[in-house]
Amino acid sequence: MFKDKKILAGGAVLFVAAFWFYIKPNYMDPKPPPVYTQEQIDAAPRPTVFIGKASGGHSKTNAPDGIVLNLAPSGTTQRYVKLVMALEFGPQTPPWVGLTTDQLAAKNAEFAHHLEPEMHKILDAIANVIGSHTAEEVSTVEGKEKLKAELIEAINHHLHGDKVEHIYFETFIVQ
């Protein structure tokens, strides 16, 4: 009987040693963080917030099909622009590599919620910049590119954390 206890204790010690050296490092230690290549990081989607477009069934601007802004008057005619734009922000840490469409939509919704306290400043900057241009100035491709650069500068002036890198006009109608 005494001999059986020594065998059981020896077997338990061997089992614990095998668990510690072979099983534990493979299954219980935390996995190292993934290493991404620069190409993967550059190709990763960026946080994108839409202005003038309904997201999740409601719009932050109460205009699900675009926002309408005054342009600077040219002569006696008052002109307007109706637009939907996407603000693309800088890369996130960790980068959004390998996200599915649903995961990307969820991340963008979370980012838009994070940006909500600054949205009034962003909309004011957009209205001020667009309102300072005439219809003739924004009717050309060069005029739209200049407008995008001015919008990026004006919006980033109000943001403290993430910064806008690109602006894309999804709808841009001058009337």
C-alpha atoms as a PDB file:
ATOM      1  CA  MET A   1       0.000   0.000   0.000  1.00  0.00           C
ATOM      2  CA  PHE A   2       2.850   2.361   0.862  1.00  0.00           C
ATOM      3  CA  LYS A   3       4.515   1.566  -2.458  1.00  0.00           C
ATOM      4  CA  ASP A   4       1.347   2.468  -4.399  1.00  0.00           C
ATOM      5  CA  LYS A   5       1.300   5.955  -2.841  1.00  0.00           C
ATOM      6  CA  LYS A   6       4.889   6.575  -3.974  1.00  0.00           C
ATOM      7  CA  ILE A   7       4.009   5.481  -7.508  1.00  0.00           C
ATOM      8  CA  LEU A   8       0.929   7.721  -7.545  1.00  0.00           C
ATOM      9  CA  ALA A   9       2.914  10.696  -6.207  1.00  0.00           C
ATOM     10  CA  GLY A  10       5.665  10.106  -8.784  1.00  0.00           C
ATOM     11  CA  GLY A  11       3.078   9.873 -11.566  1.00  0.00           C
ATOM     12  CA  ALA A  12       1.439  13.114 -10.384  1.00  0.00           C
ATOM     13  CA  VAL A  13       4.812  14.891 -10.362  1.00  0.00           C
ATOM     14  CA  LEU A  14       5.534  13.643 -13.891  1.00  0.00           C
ATOM     15  CA  PHE A  15       2.073  14.743 -15.064  1.00  0.00           C
ATOM     16  CA  VAL A  16       2.499  18.239 -13.598  1.00  0.00           C
ATOM     17  CA  ALA A  17       5.980  18.540 -15.134  1.00  0.00           C
ATOM     18  CA  ALA A  18       4.675  17.429 -18.544  1.00  0.00           C
ATOM     19  CA  PHE A  19       1.777  19.882 -18.278  1.00  0.00           C
ATOM     20  CA  TRP A  20       4.096  22.734 -17.276  1.00  0.00           C
ATOM     21  CA  PHE A  21       6.699  22.224 -20.005  1.00  0.00           C
ATOM     22  CA  TYR A  22       4.636  20.946 -22.937  1.00  0.00           C
ATOM     23  CA  ILE A  23       1.003  21.969 -22.640  1.00  0.00           C
ATOM     24  CA  LYS A  24       1.055  25.249 -20.719  1.00  0.00           C
ATOM     25  CA  PRO A  25       3.335  27.235 -23.073  1.00  0.00           C
ATOM     26  CA  ASN A  26       1.191  26.299 -26.073  1.00  0.00           C
ATOM     27  CA  TYR A  27      -2.286  26.851 -24.672  1.00  0.00           C
ATOM     28  CA  MET A  28      -2.177  29.050 -21.608  1.00  0.00           C
ATOM     29  CA  ASP A  29       0.372  31.738 -22.438  1.00  0.00           C
ATOM     30  CA  PRO A  30      -0.990  34.795 -24.231  1.00  0.00           C
ATOM     31  CA  LYS A  31      -0.511  34.808 -27.967  1.00  0.00           C
ATOM     32  CA  PRO A  32       1.919  37.399 -29.289  1.00  0.00           C
ATOM     33  CA  PRO A  33       0.266  40.337 -31.044  1.00  0.00           C
ATOM     34  CA  PRO A  34       0.032  39.940 -34.810  1.00  0.00           C
ATOM     35  CA  VAL A  35       2.765  41.534 -36.850  1.00  0.00           C
ATOM     36  CA  TYR A  36       1.481  43.430 -39.876  1.00  0.00           C
ATOM     37  CA  THR A  37       3.498  44.384 -42.909  1.00  0.00           C
ATOM     38  CA  GLN A  38       3.564  47.981 -44.079  1.00  0.00           C
ATOM     39  CA  GLU A  39       1.577  46.944 -47.169  1.00  0.00           C
ATOM     40  CA  GLN A  40      -1.183  45.484 -44.973  1.00  0.00           C
ATOM     41  CA  ILE A  41      -1.284  48.627 -42.848  1.00  0.00           C
ATOM     42  CA  ASP A  42      -1.405  50.881 -45.925  1.00  0.00           C
ATOM     43  CA  ALA A  43      -4.206  48.784 -47.466  1.00  0.00           C
ATOM     44  CA  ALA A  44      -6.215  48.574 -44.223  1.00  0.00           C
ATOM     45  CA  PRO A  45      -9.516  50.447 -44.204  1.00  0.00           C
ATOM     46  CA  ARG A  46      -9.604  53.768 -42.406  1.00  0.00           C
ATOM     47  CA  PRO A  47     -12.367  55.121 -40.177  1.00  0.00           C
ATOM     48  CA  THR A  48     -14.937  56.860 -42.360  1.00  0.00           C
ATOM     49  CA  VAL A  49     -17.745  59.163 -41.272  1.00  0.00           C
ATOM     50  CA  PHE A  50     -20.465  60.203 -43.730  1.00  0.00           C
ATOM     51  CA  ILE A  51     -21.895  63.706 -43.658  1.00  0.00           C
ATOM     52  CA  GLY A  52     -25.428  64.070 -45.036  1.00  0.00           C
ATOM     53  CA  LYS A  53     -26.087  60.341 -45.315  1.00  0.00           C
ATOM     54  CA  ALA A  54     -28.253  58.248 -43.043  1.00  0.00           C
ATOM     55  CA  SER A  55     -26.255  55.703 -41.077  1.00  0.00           C
ATOM     56  CA  GLY A  56     -28.058  53.033 -39.160  1.00  0.00           C
ATOM     57  CA  GLY A  57     -31.471  54.370 -40.133  1.00  0.00           C
ATOM     58  CA  HIS A  58     -30.966  57.949 -38.944  1.00  0.00           C
ATOM     59  CA  SER A  59     -28.812  60.844 -39.965  1.00  0.00           C
ATOM     60  CA  LYS A  60     -26.728  63.014 -37.666  1.00  0.00           C
ATOM     61  CA  THR A  61     -27.713  66.034 -39.763  1.00  0.00           C
ATOM     62  CA  ASN A  62     -31.466  65.318 -40.067  1.00  0.00           C
ATOM     63  CA  ALA A  63     -31.006  65.117 -43.851  1.00  0.00           C
ATOM     64  CA  PRO A  64     -30.805  61.496 -44.970  1.00  0.00           C
ATOM     65  CA  ASP A  65     -30.317  62.371 -48.632  1.00  0.00           C
ATOM     66  CA  GLY A  66     -27.718  65.131 -48.374  1.00  0.00           C
ATOM     67  CA  ILE A  67     -27.197  68.476 -46.740  1.00  0.00           C
ATOM     68  CA  VAL A  68     -28.043  71.701 -48.532  1.00  0.00           C
ATOM     69  CA  LEU A  69     -25.742  74.679 -48.027  1.00  0.00           C
ATOM     70  CA  ASN A  70     -25.667  78.217 -49.382  1.00  0.00           C
ATOM     71  CA  LEU A  71     -22.883  79.177 -51.726  1.00  0.00           C
ATOM     72  CA  ALA A  72     -21.528  82.703 -51.858  1.00  0.00           C
ATOM     73  CA  PRO A  73     -23.782  84.766 -54.137  1.00  0.00           C
ATOM     74  CA  SER A  74     -22.494  85.605 -57.582  1.00  0.00           C
ATOM     75  CA  GLY A  75     -24.306  88.707 -58.697  1.00  0.00           C
ATOM     76  CA  THR A  76     -27.964  88.707 -57.732  1.00  0.00           C
ATOM     77  CA  THR A  77     -28.477  84.937 -57.899  1.00  0.00           C
ATOM     78  CA  GLN A  78     -28.356  82.825 -54.752  1.00  0.00           C
ATOM     79  CA  ARG A  79     -26.958  79.339 -55.427  1.00  0.00           C
ATOM     80  CA  TYR A  80     -26.986  76.184 -53.302  1.00  0.00           C
ATOM     81  CA  VAL A  81     -25.035  72.978 -53.105  1.00  0.00           C
ATOM     82  CA  LYS A  82     -26.455  69.637 -52.016  1.00  0.00           C
ATOM     83  CA  LEU A  83     -23.800  67.194 -50.920  1.00  0.00           C
ATOM     84  CA  VAL A  84     -23.032  63.887 -49.287  1.00  0.00           C
ATOM     85  CA  MET A  85     -19.409  63.498 -48.293  1.00  0.00           C
ATOM     86  CA  ALA A  86     -17.212  60.918 -46.643  1.00  0.00           C
ATOM     87  CA  LEU A  87     -14.530  62.014 -44.206  1.00  0.00           C
ATOM     88  CA  GLU A  88     -11.727  59.459 -44.105  1.00  0.00           C
ATOM     89  CA  PHE A  89      -9.551  59.678 -41.005  1.00  0.00           C
ATOM     90  CA  GLY A  90      -6.002  58.480 -40.365  1.00  0.00           C
ATOM     91  CA  PRO A  91      -5.098  54.862 -39.576  1.00  0.00           C
ATOM     92  CA  GLN A  92      -6.021  53.429 -36.216  1.00  0.00           C
ATOM     93  CA  THR A  93      -3.861  51.598 -33.689  1.00  0.00           C
ATOM     94  CA  PRO A  94      -4.074  48.639 -34.001  1.00  0.00           C
ATOM     95  CA  PRO A  95      -4.745  48.837 -37.746  1.00  0.00           C
ATOM     96  CA  TRP A  96      -8.057  47.598 -39.095  1.00  0.00           C
ATOM     97  CA  VAL A  97      -6.520  44.723 -41.066  1.00  0.00           C
ATOM     98  CA  GLY A  98      -8.668  41.852 -42.292  1.00  0.00           C
ATOM     99  CA  LEU A  99     -12.098  43.170 -41.299  1.00  0.00           C
ATOM    100  CA  THR A 100     -15.229  41.839 -42.939  1.00  0.00           C
ATOM    101  CA  THR A 101     -17.876  44.240 -44.236  1.00  0.00           C
ATOM    102  CA  ASP A 102     -19.996  43.881 -41.095  1.00  0.00           C
ATOM    103  CA  GLN A 103     -17.005  44.335 -38.803  1.00  0.00           C
ATOM    104  CA  LEU A 104     -15.948  47.434 -40.725  1.00  0.00           C
ATOM    105  CA  ALA A 105     -19.459  48.901 -40.483  1.00  0.00           C
ATOM    106  CA  ALA A 106     -19.465  48.252 -36.724  1.00  0.00           C
ATOM    107  CA  LYS A 107     -16.033  49.881 -36.301  1.00  0.00           C
ATOM    108  CA  ASN A 108     -17.143  52.919 -38.350  1.00  0.00           C
ATOM    109  CA  ALA A 109     -20.326  53.244 -36.256  1.00  0.00           C
ATOM    110  CA  GLU A 110     -18.248  53.075 -33.074  1.00  0.00           C
ATOM    111  CA  PHE A 111     -15.847  55.689 -34.467  1.00  0.00           C
ATOM    112  CA  ALA A 112     -18.743  57.985 -35.469  1.00  0.00           C
ATOM    113  CA  HIS A 113     -20.157  57.658 -31.949  1.00  0.00           C
ATOM    114  CA  HIS A 114     -16.719  58.584 -30.553  1.00  0.00           C
ATOM    115  CA  LEU A 115     -16.697  61.647 -32.851  1.00  0.00           C
ATOM    116  CA  GLU A 116     -20.252  62.749 -31.935  1.00  0.00           C
ATOM    117  CA  PRO A 117     -19.212  65.476 -29.427  1.00  0.00           C
ATOM    118  CA  GLU A 118     -17.202  67.186 -32.203  1.00  0.00           C
ATOM    119  CA  MET A 119     -19.835  66.871 -34.949  1.00  0.00           C
ATOM    120  CA  HIS A 120     -21.271  70.376 -34.485  1.00  0.00           C
ATOM    121  CA  LYS A 121     -17.798  71.856 -35.023  1.00  0.00           C
ATOM    122  CA  ILE A 122     -17.289  69.739 -38.141  1.00  0.00           C
ATOM    123  CA  LEU A 123     -20.638  70.790 -39.629  1.00  0.00           C
ATOM    124  CA  ASP A 124     -19.933  74.449 -38.850  1.00  0.00           C
ATOM    125  CA  ALA A 125     -16.533  74.251 -40.552  1.00  0.00           C
ATOM    126  CA  ILE A 126     -18.124  72.639 -43.619  1.00  0.00           C
ATOM    127  CA  ALA A 127     -20.821  75.322 -43.817  1.00  0.00           C
ATOM    128  CA  ASN A 128     -18.303  78.148 -43.441  1.00  0.00           C
ATOM    129  CA  VAL A 129     -15.878  76.840 -46.061  1.00  0.00           C
ATOM    130  CA  ILE A 130     -18.538  75.984 -48.633  1.00  0.00           C
ATOM    131  CA  GLY A 131     -20.375  79.253 -47.995  1.00  0.00           C
ATOM    132  CA  SER A 132     -17.244  81.202 -48.872  1.00  0.00           C
ATOM    133  CA  HIS A 133     -17.131  79.849 -52.458  1.00  0.00           C
ATOM    134  CA  THR A 134     -19.254  80.723 -55.481  1.00  0.00           C
ATOM    135  CA  ALA A 135     -20.904  78.195 -57.767  1.00  0.00           C
ATOM    136  CA  GLU A 136     -18.380  78.984 -60.496  1.00  0.00           C
ATOM    137  CA  GLU A 137     -15.455  78.220 -58.167  1.00  0.00           C
ATOM    138  CA  VAL A 138     -16.733  74.765 -57.174  1.00  0.00           C
ATOM    139  CA  SER A 139     -18.001  73.738 -60.612  1.00  0.00           C
ATOM    140  CA  THR A 140     -14.579  72.659 -61.891  1.00  0.00           C
ATOM    141  CA  VAL A 141     -12.478  69.684 -60.862  1.00  0.00           C
ATOM    142  CA  GLU A 142      -9.708  72.001 -59.691  1.00  0.00           C
ATOM    143  CA  GLY A 143     -12.226  73.971 -57.656  1.00  0.00           C
ATOM    144  CA  LYS A 144     -13.501  70.819 -55.956  1.00  0.00           C
ATOM    145  CA  GLU A 145      -9.958  69.695 -55.138  1.00  0.00           C
ATOM    146  CA  LYS A 146      -9.196  73.116 -53.643  1.00  0.00           C
ATOM    147  CA  LEU A 147     -12.449  72.918 -51.688  1.00  0.00           C
ATOM    148  CA  LYS A 148     -11.474  69.488 -50.308  1.00  0.00           C
ATOM    149  CA  ALA A 149      -8.100  70.822 -49.155  1.00  0.00           C
ATOM    150  CA  GLU A 150      -9.751  73.794 -47.433  1.00  0.00           C
ATOM    151  CA  LEU A 151     -12.325  71.523 -45.793  1.00  0.00           C
ATOM    152  CA  ILE A 152      -9.622  69.180 -44.460  1.00  0.00           C
ATOM    153  CA  GLU A 153      -7.711  72.122 -42.983  1.00  0.00           C
ATOM    154  CA  ALA A 154     -10.827  73.686 -41.426  1.00  0.00           C
ATOM    155  CA  ILE A 155     -12.126  70.419 -39.954  1.00  0.00           C
ATOM    156  CA  ASN A 156      -8.735  69.354 -38.564  1.00  0.00           C
ATOM    157  CA  HIS A 157      -8.406  72.755 -36.908  1.00  0.00           C
ATOM    158  CA  HIS A 158     -11.356  71.803 -34.644  1.00  0.00           C
ATOM    159  CA  LEU A 159     -10.366  68.176 -33.942  1.00  0.00           C
ATOM    160  CA  HIS A 160      -8.004  67.293 -31.123  1.00  0.00           C
ATOM    161  CA  GLY A 161      -7.411  63.573 -31.684  1.00  0.00           C
ATOM    162  CA  ASP A 162      -8.020  61.888 -35.007  1.00  0.00           C
ATOM    163  CA  LYS A 163      -7.465  63.960 -38.130  1.00  0.00           C
ATOM    164  CA  VAL A 164      -9.174  63.873 -41.532  1.00  0.00           C
ATOM    165  CA  GLU A 165      -6.835  62.682 -44.288  1.00  0.00           C
ATOM    166  CA  HIS A 166      -9.167  62.522 -47.302  1.00  0.00           C
ATOM    167  CA  ILE A 167     -12.579  63.809 -48.281  1.00  0.00           C
ATOM    168  CA  TYR A 168     -14.718  62.137 -50.926  1.00  0.00           C
ATOM    169  CA  PHE A 169     -17.828  63.733 -52.408  1.00  0.00           C
ATOM    170  CA  GLU A 170     -20.460  61.084 -52.924  1.00  0.00           C
ATOM    171  CA  THR A 171     -23.009  63.652 -54.101  1.00  0.00           C
ATOM    172  CA  PHE A 172     -22.215  67.213 -55.163  1.00  0.00           C
ATOM    173  CA  ILE A 173     -25.066  69.049 -56.880  1.00  0.00           C
ATOM    174  CA  VAL A 174     -24.957  72.801 -57.504  1.00  0.00           C
ATOM    175  CA  GLN A 175     -28.250  74.570 -58.177  1.00  0.00           C
END
